Amino acid sequence: RTMSQMLAHHTSTGCNMRPGDLLASGTISGPAKENRGCMLERTWRGTEPITLADGTERRFLQDGDELTIRGWCERPGLPRIGFGECRGVIMPA
């Protein structure tokens, strides 16, 4: 989807867009393994599990998992900007 299509989908039911609204267009990943931007990439489509602090291995998110997303941008000589934290819990279907 293009950003225009995403905007049209968002507003087609009367939901207004306001300054500061966030549209998630996908992950932004780097070339290194540690720079992968989402769980699906981090686990390489579930083929490379990650190990949690308690030793549990995970390939995919599970019901009850709590996620924290942080985003920022920084450049030498300029202030760091970001949107803080966005938290959510995966609920059962």
PDB file of N, CA and C in Angstrom:
ATOM      1  N   ARG A   1       0.820  -1.187   0.000  1.00  0.00           N
ATOM      2  CA  ARG A   1       0.000   0.000   0.000  1.00  0.00           C
ATOM      3  C   ARG A   1       0.861   1.247   0.000  1.00  0.00           C
ATOM      4  N   THR A   2       0.354   2.246  -0.649  1.00  0.00           N
ATOM      5  CA  THR A   2       1.048   3.531  -0.628  1.00  0.00           C
ATOM      6  C   THR A   2       0.565   4.332   0.579  1.00  0.00           C
ATOM      7  N   MET A   3       1.300   5.370   0.938  1.00  0.00           N
ATOM      8  CA  MET A   3       0.882   6.233   2.038  1.00  0.00           C
ATOM      9  C   MET A   3      -0.467   6.876   1.725  1.00  0.00           C
ATOM     10  N   SER A   4      -0.697   7.230   0.462  1.00  0.00           N
ATOM     11  CA  SER A   4      -1.990   7.811   0.068  1.00  0.00           C
ATOM     12  C   SER A   4      -3.128   6.826   0.301  1.00  0.00           C
ATOM     13  N   GLN A   5      -2.913   5.557  -0.024  1.00  0.00           N
ATOM     14  CA  GLN A   5      -3.941   4.540   0.205  1.00  0.00           C
ATOM     15  C   GLN A   5      -4.193   4.349   1.699  1.00  0.00           C
ATOM     16  N   MET A   6      -3.126   4.371   2.490  1.00  0.00           N
ATOM     17  CA  MET A   6      -3.286   4.224   3.935  1.00  0.00           C
ATOM     18  C   MET A   6      -4.061   5.397   4.518  1.00  0.00           C
ATOM     19  N   LEU A   7      -3.790   6.590   4.040  1.00  0.00           N
ATOM     20  CA  LEU A   7      -4.511   7.776   4.500  1.00  0.00           C
ATOM     21  C   LEU A   7      -5.985   7.697   4.108  1.00  0.00           C
ATOM     22  N   ALA A   8      -6.256   7.273   2.873  1.00  0.00           N
ATOM     23  CA  ALA A   8      -7.643   7.135   2.409  1.00  0.00           C
ATOM     24  C   ALA A   8      -8.382   6.087   3.241  1.00  0.00           C
ATOM     25  N   HIS A   9      -7.742   4.975   3.534  1.00  0.00           N
ATOM     26  CA  HIS A   9      -8.366   3.929   4.350  1.00  0.00           C
ATOM     27  C   HIS A   9      -8.691   4.460   5.742  1.00  0.00           C
ATOM     28  N   HIS A  10      -7.767   5.197   6.327  1.00  0.00           N
ATOM     29  CA  HIS A  10      -7.941   5.743   7.675  1.00  0.00           C
ATOM     30  C   HIS A  10      -9.119   6.714   7.733  1.00  0.00           C
ATOM     31  N   THR A  11      -9.241   7.551   6.729  1.00  0.00           N
ATOM     32  CA  THR A  11     -10.253   8.617   6.757  1.00  0.00           C
ATOM     33  C   THR A  11     -11.580   8.230   6.114  1.00  0.00           C
ATOM     34  N   SER A  12     -11.666   7.089   5.442  1.00  0.00           N
ATOM     35  CA  SER A  12     -12.877   6.732   4.687  1.00  0.00           C
ATOM     36  C   SER A  12     -14.108   6.531   5.568  1.00  0.00           C
ATOM     37  N   THR A  13     -13.915   6.256   6.845  1.00  0.00           N
ATOM     38  CA  THR A  13     -15.058   6.073   7.746  1.00  0.00           C
ATOM     39  C   THR A  13     -15.325   7.303   8.600  1.00  0.00           C
ATOM     40  N   GLY A  14     -14.688   8.413   8.251  1.00  0.00           N
ATOM     41  CA  GLY A  14     -14.916   9.655   8.978  1.00  0.00           C
ATOM     42  C   GLY A  14     -13.922   9.935  10.083  1.00  0.00           C
ATOM     43  N   CYS A  15     -12.897   9.115  10.206  1.00  0.00           N
ATOM     44  CA  CYS A  15     -11.871   9.338  11.224  1.00  0.00           C
ATOM     45  C   CYS A  15     -10.948  10.458  10.748  1.00  0.00           C
ATOM     46  N   ASN A  16     -10.883  11.526  11.511  1.00  0.00           N
ATOM     47  CA  ASN A  16     -10.061  12.676  11.118  1.00  0.00           C
ATOM     48  C   ASN A  16      -8.576  12.399  11.321  1.00  0.00           C
ATOM     49  N   MET A  17      -7.768  13.010  10.490  1.00  0.00           N
ATOM     50  CA  MET A  17      -6.317  13.025  10.694  1.00  0.00           C
ATOM     51  C   MET A  17      -5.981  14.370  11.311  1.00  0.00           C
ATOM     52  N   ARG A  18      -5.145  14.342  12.337  1.00  0.00           N
ATOM     53  CA  ARG A  18      -4.758  15.570  13.023  1.00  0.00           C
ATOM     54  C   ARG A  18      -3.241  15.643  13.102  1.00  0.00           C
ATOM     55  N   PRO A  19      -2.694  16.842  13.275  1.00  0.00           N
ATOM     56  CA  PRO A  19      -1.246  16.951  13.428  1.00  0.00           C
ATOM     57  C   PRO A  19      -0.764  16.049  14.560  1.00  0.00           C
ATOM     58  N   GLY A  20       0.264  15.284  14.293  1.00  0.00           N
ATOM     59  CA  GLY A  20       0.812  14.379  15.286  1.00  0.00           C
ATOM     60  C   GLY A  20       0.299  12.955  15.185  1.00  0.00           C
ATOM     61  N   ASP A  21      -0.760  12.714  14.378  1.00  0.00           N
ATOM     62  CA  ASP A  21      -1.246  11.347  14.186  1.00  0.00           C
ATOM     63  C   ASP A  21      -0.156  10.514  13.532  1.00  0.00           C
ATOM     64  N   LEU A  22      -0.090   9.256  13.909  1.00  0.00           N
ATOM     65  CA  LEU A  22       0.964   8.368  13.445  1.00  0.00           C
ATOM     66  C   LEU A  22       0.373   7.276  12.574  1.00  0.00           C
ATOM     67  N   LEU A  23       0.893   7.113  11.366  1.00  0.00           N
ATOM     68  CA  LEU A  23       0.523   6.009  10.485  1.00  0.00           C
ATOM     69  C   LEU A  23       1.728   5.084  10.397  1.00  0.00           C
ATOM     70  N   ALA A  24       1.547   3.840  10.776  1.00  0.00           N
ATOM     71  CA  ALA A  24       2.650   2.881  10.744  1.00  0.00           C
ATOM     72  C   ALA A  24       2.724   2.249   9.361  1.00  0.00           C
ATOM     73  N   SER A  25       3.796   2.518   8.658  1.00  0.00           N
ATOM     74  CA  SER A  25       3.940   2.034   7.280  1.00  0.00           C
ATOM     75  C   SER A  25       4.819   0.791   7.181  1.00  0.00           C
ATOM     76  N   GLY A  26       5.272   0.283   8.298  1.00  0.00           N
ATOM     77  CA  GLY A  26       6.127  -0.896   8.282  1.00  0.00           C
ATOM     78  C   GLY A  26       7.410  -0.645   9.046  1.00  0.00           C
ATOM     79  N   THR A  27       8.218  -1.672   9.145  1.00  0.00           N
ATOM     80  CA  THR A  27       9.453  -1.550   9.915  1.00  0.00           C
ATOM     81  C   THR A  27      10.562  -0.935   9.074  1.00  0.00           C
ATOM     82  N   ILE A  28      11.484  -0.321   9.771  1.00  0.00           N
ATOM     83  CA  ILE A  28      12.688   0.210   9.137  1.00  0.00           C
ATOM     84  C   ILE A  28      13.848  -0.558   9.751  1.00  0.00           C
ATOM     85  N   SER A  29      14.475  -1.396   8.965  1.00  0.00           N
ATOM     86  CA  SER A  29      15.536  -2.266   9.460  1.00  0.00           C
ATOM     87  C   SER A  29      16.877  -1.876   8.873  1.00  0.00           C
ATOM     88  N   GLY A  30      17.926  -2.257   9.591  1.00  0.00           N
ATOM     89  CA  GLY A  30      19.275  -2.039   9.106  1.00  0.00           C
ATOM     90  C   GLY A  30      19.846  -3.324   8.528  1.00  0.00           C
ATOM     91  N   PRO A  31      21.079  -3.267   8.029  1.00  0.00           N
ATOM     92  CA  PRO A  31      21.678  -4.429   7.374  1.00  0.00           C
ATOM     93  C   PRO A  31      22.102  -5.543   8.336  1.00  0.00           C
ATOM     94  N   ALA A  32      22.357  -5.217   9.602  1.00  0.00           N
ATOM     95  CA  ALA A  32      22.836  -6.222  10.554  1.00  0.00           C
ATOM     96  C   ALA A  32      21.673  -6.939  11.242  1.00  0.00           C
ATOM     97  N   LYS A  33      21.930  -8.148  11.701  1.00  0.00           N
ATOM     98  CA  LYS A  33      20.906  -8.959  12.362  1.00  0.00           C
ATOM     99  C   LYS A  33      20.271  -8.214  13.540  1.00  0.00           C
ATOM    100  N   GLU A  34      21.083  -7.513  14.331  1.00  0.00           N
ATOM    101  CA  GLU A  34      20.558  -6.793  15.491  1.00  0.00           C
ATOM    102  C   GLU A  34      19.759  -5.543  15.112  1.00  0.00           C
ATOM    103  N   ASN A  35      19.755  -5.191  13.840  1.00  0.00           N
ATOM    104  CA  ASN A  35      19.001  -4.030  13.362  1.00  0.00           C
ATOM    105  C   ASN A  35      17.665  -4.403  12.736  1.00  0.00           C
ATOM    106  N   ARG A  36      17.286  -5.668  12.825  1.00  0.00           N
ATOM    107  CA  ARG A  36      15.989  -6.075  12.277  1.00  0.00           C
ATOM    108  C   ARG A  36      14.885  -5.401  13.079  1.00  0.00           C
ATOM    109  N   GLY A  37      13.849  -4.917  12.365  1.00  0.00           N
ATOM    110  CA  GLY A  37      12.882  -4.020  12.983  1.00  0.00           C
ATOM    111  C   GLY A  37      11.609  -4.605  13.538  1.00  0.00           C
ATOM    112  N   CYS A  38      11.350  -5.887  13.392  1.00  0.00           N
ATOM    113  CA  CYS A  38      10.122  -6.460  13.942  1.00  0.00           C
ATOM    114  C   CYS A  38      10.375  -7.910  14.341  1.00  0.00           C
ATOM    115  N   MET A  39       9.433  -8.469  15.088  1.00  0.00           N
ATOM    116  CA  MET A  39       9.596  -9.847  15.581  1.00  0.00           C
ATOM    117  C   MET A  39       9.747 -10.840  14.435  1.00  0.00           C
ATOM    118  N   LEU A  40       8.983 -10.659  13.362  1.00  0.00           N
ATOM    119  CA  LEU A  40       9.066 -11.575  12.230  1.00  0.00           C
ATOM    120  C   LEU A  40      10.459 -11.540  11.602  1.00  0.00           C
ATOM    121  N   GLU A  41      11.049 -10.342  11.509  1.00  0.00           N
ATOM    122  CA  GLU A  41      12.410 -10.222  10.984  1.00  0.00           C
ATOM    123  C   GLU A  41      13.435 -10.735  11.997  1.00  0.00           C
ATOM    124  N   ARG A  42      13.245 -10.399  13.285  1.00  0.00           N
ATOM    125  CA  ARG A  42      14.202 -10.813  14.321  1.00  0.00           C
ATOM    126  C   ARG A  42      14.342 -12.330  14.375  1.00  0.00           C
ATOM    127  N   THR A  43      13.224 -13.038  14.148  1.00  0.00           N
ATOM    128  CA  THR A  43      13.258 -14.500  14.196  1.00  0.00           C
ATOM    129  C   THR A  43      13.396 -15.114  12.810  1.00  0.00           C
ATOM    130  N   TRP A  44      13.598 -14.282  11.826  1.00  0.00           N
ATOM    131  CA  TRP A  44      13.735 -14.718  10.428  1.00  0.00           C
ATOM    132  C   TRP A  44      12.599 -15.668  10.053  1.00  0.00           C
ATOM    133  N   ARG A  45      11.375 -15.119  10.188  1.00  0.00           N
ATOM    134  CA  ARG A  45      10.122 -15.848   9.913  1.00  0.00           C
ATOM    135  C   ARG A  45       9.954 -17.086  10.782  1.00  0.00           C
ATOM    136  N   GLY A  46      10.414 -16.988  12.018  1.00  0.00           N
ATOM    137  CA  GLY A  46      10.241 -18.083  12.961  1.00  0.00           C
ATOM    138  C   GLY A  46      11.295 -19.170  12.887  1.00  0.00           C
ATOM    139  N   THR A  47      12.286 -19.020  12.021  1.00  0.00           N
ATOM    140  CA  THR A  47      13.318 -20.058  11.884  1.00  0.00           C
ATOM    141  C   THR A  47      14.498 -19.852  12.832  1.00  0.00           C
ATOM    142  N   GLU A  48      14.632 -18.655  13.414  1.00  0.00           N
ATOM    143  CA  GLU A  48      15.726 -18.347  14.334  1.00  0.00           C
ATOM    144  C   GLU A  48      15.137 -17.787  15.624  1.00  0.00           C
ATOM    145  N   PRO A  49      14.829 -18.637  16.612  1.00  0.00           N
ATOM    146  CA  PRO A  49      14.191 -18.142  17.833  1.00  0.00           C
ATOM    147  C   PRO A  49      15.086 -17.171  18.592  1.00  0.00           C
ATOM    148  N   ILE A  50      14.446 -16.272  19.338  1.00  0.00           N
ATOM    149  CA  ILE A  50      15.185 -15.383  20.234  1.00  0.00           C
ATOM    150  C   ILE A  50      15.072 -15.949  21.644  1.00  0.00           C
ATOM    151  N   THR A  51      16.054 -15.670  22.472  1.00  0.00           N
ATOM    152  CA  THR A  51      16.048 -16.134  23.855  1.00  0.00           C
ATOM    153  C   THR A  51      15.726 -14.961  24.768  1.00  0.00           C
ATOM    154  N   LEU A  52      14.694 -15.129  25.584  1.00  0.00           N
ATOM    155  CA  LEU A  52      14.288 -14.097  26.532  1.00  0.00           C
ATOM    156  C   LEU A  52      15.179 -14.149  27.770  1.00  0.00           C
ATOM    157  N   ALA A  53      15.061 -13.140  28.626  1.00  0.00           N
ATOM    158  CA  ALA A  53      15.904 -13.039  29.820  1.00  0.00           C
ATOM    159  C   ALA A  53      15.783 -14.258  30.731  1.00  0.00           C
ATOM    160  N   ASP A  54      14.600 -14.901  30.760  1.00  0.00           N
ATOM    161  CA  ASP A  54      14.408 -16.073  31.625  1.00  0.00           C
ATOM    162  C   ASP A  54      14.834 -17.381  30.962  1.00  0.00           C
ATOM    163  N   GLY A  55      15.410 -17.306  29.759  1.00  0.00           N
ATOM    164  CA  GLY A  55      15.879 -18.483  29.045  1.00  0.00           C
ATOM    165  C   GLY A  55      14.873 -19.085  28.078  1.00  0.00           C
ATOM    166  N   THR A  56      13.632 -18.604  28.114  1.00  0.00           N
ATOM    167  CA  THR A  56      12.595 -19.088  27.207  1.00  0.00           C
ATOM    168  C   THR A  56      12.918 -18.669  25.781  1.00  0.00           C
ATOM    169  N   GLU A  57      12.696 -19.572  24.833  1.00  0.00           N
ATOM    170  CA  GLU A  57      12.872 -19.225  23.418  1.00  0.00           C
ATOM    171  C   GLU A  57      11.523 -18.898  22.804  1.00  0.00           C
ATOM    172  N   ARG A  58      11.511 -17.909  21.938  1.00  0.00           N
ATOM    173  CA  ARG A  58      10.293 -17.517  21.243  1.00  0.00           C
ATOM    174  C   ARG A  58      10.569 -17.344  19.764  1.00  0.00           C
ATOM    175  N   ARG A  59       9.606 -17.761  18.951  1.00  0.00           N
ATOM    176  CA  ARG A  59       9.657 -17.563  17.506  1.00  0.00           C
ATOM    177  C   ARG A  59       8.626 -16.538  17.057  1.00  0.00           C
ATOM    178  N   PHE A  60       7.526 -16.439  17.801  1.00  0.00           N
ATOM    179  CA  PHE A  60       6.432 -15.525  17.471  1.00  0.00           C
ATOM    180  C   PHE A  60       5.874 -14.934  18.763  1.00  0.00           C
ATOM    181  N   LEU A  61       5.123 -13.846  18.645  1.00  0.00           N
ATOM    182  CA  LEU A  61       4.434 -13.278  19.799  1.00  0.00           C
ATOM    183  C   LEU A  61       3.326 -14.219  20.234  1.00  0.00           C
ATOM    184  N   GLN A  62       2.994 -14.171  21.534  1.00  0.00           N
ATOM    185  CA  GLN A  62       1.942 -15.026  22.077  1.00  0.00           C
ATOM    186  C   GLN A  62       0.946 -14.188  22.868  1.00  0.00           C
ATOM    187  N   ASP A  63      -0.262 -14.737  23.040  1.00  0.00           N
ATOM    188  CA  ASP A  63      -1.266 -14.064  23.856  1.00  0.00           C
ATOM    189  C   ASP A  63      -0.671 -13.726  25.214  1.00  0.00           C
ATOM    190  N   GLY A  64      -0.949 -12.512  25.681  1.00  0.00           N
ATOM    191  CA  GLY A  64      -0.443 -12.064  26.973  1.00  0.00           C
ATOM    192  C   GLY A  64       0.889 -11.350  26.913  1.00  0.00           C
ATOM    193  N   ASP A  65       1.597 -11.425  25.788  1.00  0.00           N
ATOM    194  CA  ASP A  65       2.870 -10.706  25.661  1.00  0.00           C
ATOM    195  C   ASP A  65       2.617  -9.204  25.726  1.00  0.00           C
ATOM    196  N   GLU A  66       3.485  -8.501  26.432  1.00  0.00           N
ATOM    197  CA  GLU A  66       3.418  -7.040  26.480  1.00  0.00           C
ATOM    198  C   GLU A  66       4.536  -6.482  25.612  1.00  0.00           C
ATOM    199  N   LEU A  67       4.177  -5.559  24.746  1.00  0.00           N
ATOM    200  CA  LEU A  67       5.139  -4.951  23.829  1.00  0.00           C
ATOM    201  C   LEU A  67       5.383  -3.507  24.215  1.00  0.00           C
ATOM    202  N   THR A  68       6.616  -3.072  24.049  1.00  0.00           N
ATOM    203  CA  THR A  68       6.965  -1.672  24.217  1.00  0.00           C
ATOM    204  C   THR A  68       7.703  -1.232  22.966  1.00  0.00           C
ATOM    205  N   ILE A  69       7.193  -0.199  22.326  1.00  0.00           N
ATOM    206  CA  ILE A  69       7.824   0.349  21.124  1.00  0.00           C
ATOM    207  C   ILE A  69       8.341   1.737  21.468  1.00  0.00           C
ATOM    208  N   ARG A  70       9.586   1.985  21.112  1.00  0.00           N
ATOM    209  CA  ARG A  70      10.190   3.304  21.303  1.00  0.00           C
ATOM    210  C   ARG A  70      10.724   3.769  19.958  1.00  0.00           C
ATOM    211  N   GLY A  71      10.566   5.031  19.680  1.00  0.00           N
ATOM    212  CA  GLY A  71      11.083   5.563  18.424  1.00  0.00           C
ATOM    213  C   GLY A  71      11.743   6.909  18.633  1.00  0.00           C
ATOM    214  N   TRP A  72      12.857   7.123  17.958  1.00  0.00           N
ATOM    215  CA  TRP A  72      13.533   8.406  18.039  1.00  0.00           C
ATOM    216  C   TRP A  72      14.428   8.592  16.833  1.00  0.00           C
ATOM    217  N   CYS A  73      14.883   9.795  16.701  1.00  0.00           N
ATOM    218  CA  CYS A  73      15.805  10.164  15.633  1.00  0.00           C
ATOM    219  C   CYS A  73      16.869  11.054  16.257  1.00  0.00           C
ATOM    220  N   GLU A  74      18.100  10.846  15.867  1.00  0.00           N
ATOM    221  CA  GLU A  74      19.157  11.707  16.382  1.00  0.00           C
ATOM    222  C   GLU A  74      20.234  11.918  15.331  1.00  0.00           C
ATOM    223  N   ARG A  75      20.869  13.046  15.448  1.00  0.00           N
ATOM    224  CA  ARG A  75      21.930  13.417  14.522  1.00  0.00           C
ATOM    225  C   ARG A  75      22.904  14.316  15.282  1.00  0.00           C
ATOM    226  N   PRO A  76      24.204  14.139  15.069  1.00  0.00           N
ATOM    227  CA  PRO A  76      25.172  14.969  15.786  1.00  0.00           C
ATOM    228  C   PRO A  76      24.867  16.459  15.617  1.00  0.00           C
ATOM    229  N   GLY A  77      24.927  17.174  16.732  1.00  0.00           N
ATOM    230  CA  GLY A  77      24.707  18.609  16.712  1.00  0.00           C
ATOM    231  C   GLY A  77      23.252  19.034  16.784  1.00  0.00           C
ATOM    232  N   LEU A  78      22.333  18.073  16.779  1.00  0.00           N
ATOM    233  CA  LEU A  78      20.907  18.385  16.848  1.00  0.00           C
ATOM    234  C   LEU A  78      20.282  17.646  18.023  1.00  0.00           C
ATOM    235  N   PRO A  79      19.199  18.186  18.570  1.00  0.00           N
ATOM    236  CA  PRO A  79      18.556  17.485  19.687  1.00  0.00           C
ATOM    237  C   PRO A  79      17.912  16.176  19.237  1.00  0.00           C
ATOM    238  N   ARG A  80      17.916  15.207  20.117  1.00  0.00           N
ATOM    239  CA  ARG A  80      17.245  13.928  19.856  1.00  0.00           C
ATOM    240  C   ARG A  80      15.736  14.147  19.995  1.00  0.00           C
ATOM    241  N   ILE A  81      14.977  13.629  19.036  1.00  0.00           N
ATOM    242  CA  ILE A  81      13.525  13.745  19.096  1.00  0.00           C
ATOM    243  C   ILE A  81      12.909  12.350  19.032  1.00  0.00           C
ATOM    244  N   GLY A  82      11.745  12.193  19.615  1.00  0.00           N
ATOM    245  CA  GLY A  82      11.091  10.900  19.604  1.00  0.00           C
ATOM    246  C   GLY A  82       9.657  11.002  20.077  1.00  0.00           C
ATOM    247  N   PHE A  83       8.973   9.860  20.128  1.00  0.00           N
ATOM    248  CA  PHE A  83       7.587   9.869  20.581  1.00  0.00           C
ATOM    249  C   PHE A  83       7.406   9.148  21.915  1.00  0.00           C
ATOM    250  N   GLY A  84       8.472   8.862  22.632  1.00  0.00           N
ATOM    251  CA  GLY A  84       8.355   8.198  23.922  1.00  0.00           C
ATOM    252  C   GLY A  84       8.090   6.717  23.749  1.00  0.00           C
ATOM    253  N   GLU A  85       7.227   6.167  24.608  1.00  0.00           N
ATOM    254  CA  GLU A  85       6.907   4.745  24.556  1.00  0.00           C
ATOM    255  C   GLU A  85       5.463   4.521  24.148  1.00  0.00           C
ATOM    256  N   CYS A  86       5.252   3.463  23.401  1.00  0.00           N
ATOM    257  CA  CYS A  86       3.917   2.991  23.052  1.00  0.00           C
ATOM    258  C   CYS A  86       3.855   1.548  23.553  1.00  0.00           C
ATOM    259  N   ARG A  87       2.917   1.254  24.463  1.00  0.00           N
ATOM    260  CA  ARG A  87       2.827  -0.077  25.068  1.00  0.00           C
ATOM    261  C   ARG A  87       1.497  -0.730  24.751  1.00  0.00           C
ATOM    262  N   GLY A  88       1.521  -2.043  24.634  1.00  0.00           N
ATOM    263  CA  GLY A  88       0.291  -2.788  24.411  1.00  0.00           C
ATOM    264  C   GLY A  88       0.463  -4.245  24.802  1.00  0.00           C
ATOM    265  N   VAL A  89      -0.652  -4.929  25.010  1.00  0.00           N
ATOM    266  CA  VAL A  89      -0.660  -6.342  25.373  1.00  0.00           C
ATOM    267  C   VAL A  89      -1.382  -7.115  24.280  1.00  0.00           C
ATOM    268  N   ILE A  90      -0.814  -8.249  23.862  1.00  0.00           N
ATOM    269  CA  ILE A  90      -1.450  -9.116  22.868  1.00  0.00           C
ATOM    270  C   ILE A  90      -2.608  -9.839  23.553  1.00  0.00           C
ATOM    271  N   MET A  91      -3.817  -9.604  23.061  1.00  0.00           N
ATOM    272  CA  MET A  91      -5.018 -10.219  23.625  1.00  0.00           C
ATOM    273  C   MET A  91      -5.399 -11.456  22.815  1.00  0.00           C
ATOM    274  N   PRO A  92      -6.040 -12.442  23.455  1.00  0.00           N
ATOM    275  CA  PRO A  92      -6.490 -13.625  22.713  1.00  0.00           C
ATOM    276  C   PRO A  92      -7.489 -13.245  21.629  1.00  0.00           C
ATOM    277  N   ALA A  93      -7.488 -13.992  20.537  1.00  0.00           N
ATOM    278  CA  ALA A  93      -8.414 -13.716  19.432  1.00  0.00           C
ATOM    279  C   ALA A  93      -9.837 -14.039  19.836  1.00  0.00           C
TER     280      ALA A  93
END
